[in-house]
Amino acid sequence: MVPVLTILVYGLFLLAILVGGKVAGKGQFFADGTGREATGPLRGIAAIGVVLHHISQNEHFQSSGEIRLFVNAGFLFVAIFMFLSGYGLIKSLDSKPDYMDGFLKRRLPVIVVPYYVSVLFFLIFALVSRTHYEPAEWVTNLLGLTMMNKYAWFPIVLTILYVCFYLVFRREKSRDASLVKMLFAVLGLVLLYAAVRYMDWWLKFHYPGTWWNEPMVRWFAGEWWANSSIGFWVGIFVASKEEAIRAFFRKGYLLKLFVSLLLVFLLSGLSFRLKILLGYWNETVVQGPGIGTTFLCVLAQFPHVTFFVFSIYLLLLKVKTSNPVTRFMGRISLESYMMNYPAILITSDHLLKTADPETAQFRALYMVLVILLTLLLALVYRAVNQGLLRRLSGR
């Protein structure tokens, strides 16, 4: 029997998607289907999905099997953010003269400042909670070279992708050539993850018990650093070829959408089987993960991610969904993402430290507290970020 909490969460998530929905007329697409009015709520839906994914990772949710659909879906929600980022960059590049002039100066602070503000938040939390860190650990944490906020990897990867985008497109001569170069940049990111993963195993094998070998402390500590990155490239590709894509899908839209969604389903199963066969987790104590095997394991997820975000794009052509909840979450999507981990820590280690974790009441209370704390911290975090960014820009 499906637990009541699971039914409630699935139902509310579905409502968040459907309420306020509009469908374009027969044979028509929304002209602004990928404009801010549509993509803002989509970011909100993805942000809600990420928060629920992180909640589902709690050991008591996993043992109970509640909201299990979110357990392995986190990278797909992040891929939506990646897609929208890549898509938006190309649309700006193609519509704004001299867009690449001062690109890094404009774009990177919006990502880097929130990253270091989250470090500051964790510094305050560590001091208040009297968390012990080694002296060298304090230094690397404050420099952002190790992860105090275990969920703060997204701004790091996005910064890398933005720099790659700038290097590829700043003196663009051929869009197709630039697309190929950008694809190789994403593959390079995956290869970097595979190499770091092997290095992590080597360090843990030769230097066990050190603080810098704790889980998720170093950069590229898991496959989530790489497996959604193809969404960024798909966004760039779709924005570059949008006119042809819209023309192709205008005729026989429903059938082609069905095929795309069917491929998402089939590729999901194939990806899962390949992960088991190749294995992110097949290494042993004396034999670490092969770089090539890890690289192939990430690549096995790329077709699934590609058709997932492409199907989302196809839906945007025909369907608009917007309501106060998704618009609000869209405005604080990055902030809720970044503040979800401290909310989980405060709830688990302090607010519910003495509660019985095996009960449904605990899980419901845990979810409510994590969500409320995430929103509260996100609003404070957003205010601090905006204040600092205004000062940096001189406004």
Protein backbone atom coordinates (compact mmCIF):
# COMPACT_ATOMS: atom_id res chain seq x y z
CA MET A 1 0.00 0.00 0.00
CA VAL A 2 1.34 3.44 -0.95
CA PRO A 3 1.89 5.58 2.19
CA VAL A 4 -0.37 8.60 2.65
CA LEU A 5 2.60 11.00 2.69
CA THR A 6 3.79 9.71 -0.68
CA ILE A 7 0.34 10.12 -2.23
CA LEU A 8 0.09 13.64 -0.80
CA VAL A 9 3.53 14.70 -2.10
CA TYR A 10 2.96 13.23 -5.57
CA GLY A 11 -0.46 14.87 -5.75
CA LEU A 12 0.80 18.30 -4.69
CA PHE A 13 3.75 18.10 -7.06
CA LEU A 14 1.40 17.24 -9.91
CA LEU A 15 -0.86 20.14 -8.96
CA ALA A 16 2.14 22.49 -8.99
CA ILE A 17 2.75 21.42 -12.58
CA LEU A 18 -0.85 21.49 -13.82
CA VAL A 19 -2.51 24.44 -12.05
CA GLY A 20 -2.57 27.49 -14.30
CA GLY A 21 -1.80 25.44 -17.39
CA LYS A 22 -2.67 26.57 -20.91
CA VAL A 23 -2.51 24.65 -24.16
CA ALA A 24 -1.92 26.27 -27.56
CA GLY A 25 -4.56 25.73 -30.23
CA LYS A 26 -4.48 22.95 -32.79
CA GLY A 27 -1.52 23.31 -35.12
CA GLN A 28 -0.15 26.24 -33.12
CA PHE A 29 2.85 26.80 -30.86
CA PHE A 30 3.29 29.51 -28.27
CA ALA A 31 5.51 32.21 -29.75
CA ASP A 32 6.99 32.86 -26.31
CA GLY A 33 6.95 29.27 -25.08
CA THR A 34 10.54 29.56 -23.95
CA GLY A 35 10.33 33.14 -22.71
CA ARG A 36 10.74 34.16 -19.07
CA GLU A 37 7.02 33.84 -18.42
CA ALA A 38 7.28 30.11 -19.19
CA THR A 39 10.80 29.26 -18.03
CA GLY A 40 10.48 30.98 -14.63
CA PRO A 41 7.77 28.56 -13.44
CA LEU A 42 9.70 25.68 -15.02
CA ARG A 43 12.70 26.62 -12.87
CA GLY A 44 10.32 26.61 -9.93
CA ILE A 45 9.12 23.10 -10.71
CA ALA A 46 12.73 21.93 -11.05
CA ALA A 47 13.63 23.60 -7.73
CA ILE A 48 10.76 21.82 -5.97
CA GLY A 49 11.93 18.56 -7.54
CA VAL A 50 15.50 19.08 -6.29
CA VAL A 51 14.32 19.79 -2.73
CA LEU A 52 12.14 16.67 -2.74
CA HIS A 53 15.02 14.67 -4.20
CA HIS A 54 17.28 15.71 -1.33
CA ILE A 55 14.58 14.87 1.21
CA SER A 56 14.13 11.45 -0.39
CA GLN A 57 17.85 10.80 0.17
CA ASN A 58 17.27 10.70 3.93
CA GLU A 59 17.94 7.17 5.17
CA HIS A 60 14.53 6.90 6.85
CA PHE A 61 12.72 7.87 3.66
CA GLN A 62 14.82 5.34 1.76
CA SER A 63 14.12 2.52 4.20
CA SER A 64 10.39 3.29 4.17
CA GLY A 65 10.27 3.65 0.37
CA GLU A 66 8.37 6.93 0.58
CA ILE A 67 8.56 9.41 -2.35
CA ARG A 68 10.89 6.94 -4.06
CA LEU A 69 10.25 8.44 -7.50
CA PHE A 70 12.43 11.38 -6.47
CA VAL A 71 15.37 9.27 -5.22
CA ASN A 72 17.13 8.96 -8.59
CA ALA A 73 15.56 11.96 -10.32
CA GLY A 74 17.77 14.76 -8.99
CA PHE A 75 20.09 14.93 -11.99
CA LEU A 76 17.10 15.31 -14.33
CA PHE A 77 15.82 18.35 -12.44
CA VAL A 78 19.33 19.83 -12.49
CA ALA A 79 19.49 19.11 -16.23
CA ILE A 80 16.50 21.45 -16.65
CA PHE A 81 18.55 24.26 -15.07
CA MET A 82 21.47 23.36 -17.33
CA PHE A 83 19.26 23.38 -20.43
CA LEU A 84 17.72 26.76 -19.61
CA SER A 85 21.17 28.25 -18.95
CA GLY A 86 22.60 27.09 -22.27
CA TYR A 87 19.45 28.08 -24.16
CA GLY A 88 19.39 31.55 -22.61
CA LEU A 89 23.04 32.22 -23.40
CA ILE A 90 22.58 31.52 -27.12
CA LYS A 91 19.39 33.58 -27.32
CA SER A 92 21.23 36.51 -25.74
CA LEU A 93 24.25 36.00 -27.98
CA ASP A 94 22.09 36.02 -31.12
CA SER A 95 19.95 39.01 -30.11
CA LYS A 96 22.36 41.36 -28.33
CA PRO A 97 25.22 43.04 -30.21
CA ASP A 98 28.61 42.72 -28.50
CA TYR A 99 27.12 40.30 -25.97
CA MET A 100 30.47 38.59 -25.40
CA ASP A 101 32.18 41.87 -24.48
CA GLY A 102 32.58 41.73 -20.72
CA PHE A 103 30.70 38.42 -20.63
CA LEU A 104 32.65 36.86 -17.77
CA LYS A 105 32.61 40.09 -15.78
CA ARG A 106 28.81 40.20 -16.03
CA ARG A 107 27.93 36.55 -15.68
CA LEU A 108 30.41 35.03 -13.25
CA PRO A 109 29.66 37.23 -10.21
CA VAL A 110 26.02 36.10 -10.36
CA ILE A 111 27.28 32.54 -9.77
CA VAL A 112 30.49 33.02 -7.79
CA VAL A 113 29.15 35.51 -5.22
CA PRO A 114 26.29 33.20 -4.11
CA TYR A 115 28.78 30.35 -3.84
CA TYR A 116 30.99 32.24 -1.39
CA VAL A 117 28.00 33.65 0.48
CA SER A 118 26.93 30.05 1.09
CA VAL A 119 30.43 29.42 2.47
CA LEU A 120 29.90 32.39 4.81
CA PHE A 121 26.54 30.95 5.92
CA PHE A 122 28.20 27.63 6.70
CA LEU A 123 31.01 29.37 8.58
CA ILE A 124 28.43 30.99 10.86
CA PHE A 125 26.60 27.67 11.24
CA ALA A 126 29.85 25.85 12.07
CA LEU A 127 30.78 28.40 14.73
CA VAL A 128 27.32 28.36 16.32
CA SER A 129 27.10 24.55 16.31
CA ARG A 130 30.76 24.21 17.34
CA THR A 131 31.54 21.95 14.42
CA HIS A 132 35.13 20.71 14.50
CA TYR A 133 37.35 21.30 11.49
CA GLU A 134 41.07 20.78 11.15
CA PRO A 135 43.07 24.03 10.66
CA ALA A 136 43.84 23.18 7.02
CA GLU A 137 40.19 22.25 6.54
CA TRP A 138 39.11 25.71 7.70
CA VAL A 139 41.40 27.27 5.10
CA THR A 140 40.28 25.12 2.16
CA ASN A 141 36.62 25.49 3.18
CA LEU A 142 36.82 29.27 3.32
CA LEU A 143 38.62 29.36 -0.03
CA GLY A 144 35.84 27.23 -1.48
CA LEU A 145 38.26 24.49 -2.49
CA THR A 146 36.50 21.92 -0.33
CA MET A 147 32.79 21.59 0.18
CA MET A 148 31.21 22.84 3.39
CA ASN A 149 27.89 22.94 1.55
CA LYS A 150 27.73 19.50 -0.06
CA TYR A 151 25.01 20.66 -2.50
CA ALA A 152 26.94 23.72 -3.70
CA TRP A 153 28.59 21.90 -6.60
CA PHE A 154 26.16 23.34 -9.16
CA PRO A 155 27.65 26.89 -9.25
CA ILE A 156 31.13 25.39 -9.67
CA VAL A 157 30.13 23.28 -12.68
CA LEU A 158 28.10 26.13 -14.16
CA THR A 159 31.11 28.46 -13.81
CA ILE A 160 33.27 25.96 -15.70
CA LEU A 161 30.65 25.69 -18.44
CA TYR A 162 30.29 29.48 -18.68
CA VAL A 163 34.05 29.86 -19.11
CA CYS A 164 34.01 27.17 -21.81
CA PHE A 165 31.09 28.93 -23.51
CA TYR A 166 33.03 32.20 -23.53
CA LEU A 167 36.18 30.60 -24.96
CA VAL A 168 34.22 28.81 -27.69
CA PHE A 169 31.80 31.57 -28.75
CA ARG A 170 33.72 34.81 -28.21
CA ARG A 171 35.13 34.78 -31.74
CA GLU A 172 32.63 32.50 -33.40
CA LYS A 173 33.03 31.88 -37.12
CA SER A 174 30.78 28.86 -37.58
CA ARG A 175 27.87 27.91 -35.30
CA ASP A 176 28.17 24.24 -36.18
CA ALA A 177 31.89 24.25 -35.37
CA SER A 178 31.16 26.01 -32.09
CA LEU A 179 28.56 23.37 -31.22
CA VAL A 180 31.11 20.63 -31.80
CA LYS A 181 33.71 22.44 -29.68
CA MET A 182 31.20 22.94 -26.88
CA LEU A 183 30.27 19.27 -26.97
CA PHE A 184 33.94 18.38 -26.56
CA ALA A 185 34.12 20.79 -23.64
CA VAL A 186 31.26 18.92 -21.91
CA LEU A 187 32.99 15.60 -22.63
CA GLY A 188 36.15 17.10 -21.15
CA LEU A 189 34.22 17.90 -17.98
CA VAL A 190 33.10 14.26 -17.80
CA LEU A 191 36.67 13.05 -18.32
CA LEU A 192 37.82 15.39 -15.55
CA TYR A 193 35.24 13.87 -13.22
CA ALA A 194 36.38 10.35 -14.16
CA ALA A 195 40.02 11.22 -13.46
CA VAL A 196 39.20 12.90 -10.13
CA ARG A 197 37.07 9.91 -9.13
CA TYR A 198 40.03 7.61 -9.66
CA MET A 199 42.28 10.02 -7.73
CA ASP A 200 39.77 10.01 -4.87
CA TRP A 201 39.94 6.25 -4.62
CA TRP A 202 43.75 6.32 -4.77
CA LEU A 203 43.96 8.88 -1.96
CA LYS A 204 41.47 6.98 0.22
CA PHE A 205 43.39 3.74 -0.35
CA HIS A 206 46.78 5.24 0.50
CA TYR A 207 45.73 7.84 3.09
CA PRO A 208 42.72 6.41 4.95
CA GLY A 209 41.09 8.29 7.81
CA THR A 210 42.08 11.82 6.78
CA TRP A 211 39.56 14.67 6.82
CA TRP A 212 40.00 15.37 3.14
CA ASN A 213 38.91 11.83 2.34
CA GLU A 214 35.50 12.24 3.95
CA PRO A 215 32.53 11.76 1.55
CA MET A 216 31.69 14.73 -0.71
CA VAL A 217 34.44 16.96 0.70
CA ARG A 218 36.41 17.48 -2.51
CA TRP A 219 35.23 18.79 -5.87
CA PHE A 220 33.83 16.23 -8.35
CA ALA A 221 32.99 13.85 -5.53
CA GLY A 222 30.14 12.14 -7.35
CA GLU A 223 28.55 11.49 -10.73
CA TRP A 224 26.06 14.32 -10.15
CA TRP A 225 28.89 16.74 -10.96
CA ALA A 226 28.87 15.49 -14.57
CA ASN A 227 25.77 13.57 -15.63
CA SER A 228 23.45 16.58 -16.07
CA SER A 229 26.02 18.73 -17.90
CA ILE A 230 24.87 17.56 -21.34
CA GLY A 231 21.67 19.53 -20.68
CA PHE A 232 23.71 22.73 -21.05
CA TRP A 233 24.85 21.66 -24.52
CA VAL A 234 21.34 20.58 -25.54
CA GLY A 235 20.09 24.04 -24.58
CA ILE A 236 22.75 25.63 -26.78
CA PHE A 237 21.93 23.28 -29.67
CA VAL A 238 18.15 23.81 -29.46
CA ALA A 239 18.50 27.60 -29.29
CA SER A 240 20.84 27.51 -32.31
CA LYS A 241 18.53 25.32 -34.40
CA GLU A 242 15.19 26.44 -32.99
CA GLU A 243 13.61 27.63 -36.22
CA ALA A 244 14.24 24.28 -37.92
CA ILE A 245 13.13 22.33 -34.84
CA ARG A 246 9.85 24.22 -34.55
CA ALA A 247 9.16 23.73 -38.26
CA PHE A 248 9.85 19.99 -38.05
CA PHE A 249 7.66 19.39 -35.00
CA ARG A 250 4.76 21.56 -36.09
CA LYS A 251 3.50 18.76 -38.33
CA GLY A 252 2.69 15.55 -36.47
CA TYR A 253 3.55 17.17 -33.15
CA LEU A 254 1.71 14.72 -30.89
CA LEU A 255 3.20 11.63 -32.53
CA LYS A 256 6.72 13.08 -32.43
CA LEU A 257 6.27 14.18 -28.81
CA PHE A 258 5.09 10.66 -27.96
CA VAL A 259 8.19 9.17 -29.60
CA SER A 260 10.44 11.56 -27.67
CA LEU A 261 8.75 10.70 -24.37
CA LEU A 262 8.92 6.99 -25.18
CA LEU A 263 12.66 7.36 -25.78
CA VAL A 264 12.98 9.04 -22.37
CA PHE A 265 11.33 6.00 -20.78
CA LEU A 266 13.36 3.43 -22.74
CA LEU A 267 16.66 5.27 -22.29
CA SER A 268 15.97 5.58 -18.56
CA GLY A 269 15.84 1.79 -18.28
CA LEU A 270 18.89 1.34 -20.51
CA SER A 271 20.84 3.92 -18.52
CA PHE A 272 19.97 2.20 -15.26
CA ARG A 273 21.08 -1.20 -16.58
CA LEU A 274 24.34 0.19 -17.93
CA LYS A 275 25.05 1.86 -14.59
CA ILE A 276 24.67 -1.50 -12.90
CA LEU A 277 26.75 -3.25 -15.56
CA LEU A 278 29.54 -0.66 -15.72
CA GLY A 279 28.96 0.62 -12.22
CA TYR A 280 29.72 3.90 -10.52
CA TRP A 281 30.02 1.75 -7.42
CA ASN A 282 31.73 -1.45 -8.62
CA GLU A 283 35.17 -0.58 -7.37
CA THR A 284 36.66 -2.54 -4.46
CA VAL A 285 39.10 -1.51 -1.74
CA VAL A 286 42.07 -2.79 -3.72
CA GLN A 287 40.81 -2.05 -7.21
CA GLY A 288 39.50 1.41 -7.84
CA PRO A 289 37.19 2.74 -10.54
CA GLY A 290 38.62 2.72 -14.04
CA ILE A 291 38.70 6.16 -15.63
CA GLY A 292 37.35 4.76 -18.89
CA THR A 293 34.57 2.84 -17.13
CA THR A 294 33.45 5.90 -15.18
CA PHE A 295 33.56 8.01 -18.36
CA LEU A 296 31.35 5.49 -20.19
CA CYS A 297 28.99 5.28 -17.22
CA VAL A 298 28.31 9.03 -17.43
CA LEU A 299 27.98 8.87 -21.21
CA ALA A 300 25.39 6.13 -20.75
CA GLN A 301 23.19 8.69 -19.00
CA PHE A 302 23.61 11.39 -21.64
CA PRO A 303 20.99 10.07 -24.11
CA HIS A 304 18.45 9.83 -21.28
CA VAL A 305 19.18 13.40 -20.15
CA THR A 306 19.21 14.66 -23.74
CA PHE A 307 15.75 13.37 -24.62
CA PHE A 308 14.38 14.33 -21.20
CA VAL A 309 15.24 18.02 -21.55
CA PHE A 310 14.34 17.98 -25.24
CA SER A 311 10.91 16.58 -24.36
CA ILE A 312 10.50 19.36 -21.80
CA TYR A 313 11.30 21.85 -24.57
CA LEU A 314 8.72 20.26 -26.87
CA LEU A 315 6.10 20.53 -24.13
CA LEU A 316 6.95 24.23 -23.68
CA LEU A 317 6.07 24.82 -27.33
CA LYS A 318 2.52 23.68 -26.72
CA VAL A 319 1.88 23.99 -22.99
CA LYS A 320 2.30 26.84 -20.52
CA THR A 321 2.03 26.31 -16.80
CA SER A 322 2.26 29.07 -14.24
CA ASN A 323 0.89 29.64 -10.75
CA PRO A 324 1.97 31.59 -7.65
CA VAL A 325 3.87 28.63 -6.20
CA THR A 326 5.97 27.86 -9.27
CA ARG A 327 6.58 31.55 -10.01
CA PHE A 328 7.78 32.11 -6.44
CA MET A 329 10.02 29.04 -6.49
CA GLY A 330 11.33 30.11 -9.90
CA ARG A 331 12.48 33.42 -8.42
CA ILE A 332 14.39 31.66 -5.63
CA SER A 333 15.39 28.50 -7.52
CA LEU A 334 19.15 28.93 -6.98
CA GLU A 335 18.68 30.10 -3.41
CA SER A 336 16.45 27.16 -2.44
CA TYR A 337 18.91 24.80 -4.10
CA MET A 338 21.86 26.23 -2.17
CA MET A 339 20.09 26.49 1.20
CA ASN A 340 18.53 23.04 1.14
CA TYR A 341 21.57 21.34 2.69
CA PRO A 342 21.84 23.63 5.73
CA ALA A 343 18.08 23.22 6.24
CA ILE A 344 18.53 19.44 6.23
CA LEU A 345 21.45 19.65 8.67
CA ILE A 346 19.60 21.91 11.11
CA THR A 347 16.50 19.70 10.98
CA SER A 348 18.35 16.38 11.32
CA ASP A 349 21.04 17.34 13.83
CA HIS A 350 19.14 19.80 16.00
CA LEU A 351 15.38 20.18 15.60
CA LEU A 352 14.55 16.47 15.34
CA LYS A 353 17.61 15.01 17.00
CA THR A 354 15.61 13.24 19.74
CA ALA A 355 12.56 12.26 17.67
CA ASP A 356 11.79 8.65 16.73
CA PRO A 357 12.91 8.43 13.08
CA GLU A 358 11.03 5.22 12.27
CA THR A 359 7.55 6.76 12.34
CA ALA A 360 5.52 8.28 9.54
CA GLN A 361 4.96 11.31 11.77
CA PHE A 362 8.72 11.89 11.93
CA ARG A 363 9.04 11.74 8.16
CA ALA A 364 6.15 14.14 7.64
CA LEU A 365 7.52 16.58 10.22
CA TYR A 366 11.02 16.24 8.79
CA MET A 367 9.75 17.12 5.30
CA VAL A 368 7.72 20.12 6.49
CA LEU A 369 10.59 21.51 8.56
CA VAL A 370 13.16 21.04 5.79
CA ILE A 371 10.92 22.80 3.27
CA LEU A 372 10.07 25.70 5.60
CA LEU A 373 13.70 26.17 6.66
CA THR A 374 14.86 25.96 3.04
CA LEU A 375 12.47 28.75 2.07
CA LEU A 376 13.36 30.92 5.07
CA LEU A 377 17.11 30.55 4.56
CA ALA A 378 16.68 31.03 0.79
CA LEU A 379 14.99 34.41 1.28
CA VAL A 380 17.72 35.62 3.67
CA TYR A 381 20.41 34.23 1.38
CA ARG A 382 18.81 35.94 -1.64
CA ALA A 383 18.71 39.31 0.14
CA VAL A 384 22.41 39.04 1.05
CA ASN A 385 23.37 38.01 -2.50
CA GLN A 386 21.41 40.84 -4.10
CA GLY A 387 22.91 43.40 -1.72
CA LEU A 388 26.46 42.27 -2.47
CA LEU A 389 25.87 42.10 -6.22
CA ARG A 390 24.44 45.62 -6.22
CA ARG A 391 27.51 46.89 -4.40
CA LEU A 392 29.85 45.11 -6.81
CA SER A 393 28.03 46.52 -9.83
CA GLY A 394 27.95 50.03 -8.35
CA ARG A 395 24.15 50.29 -8.52
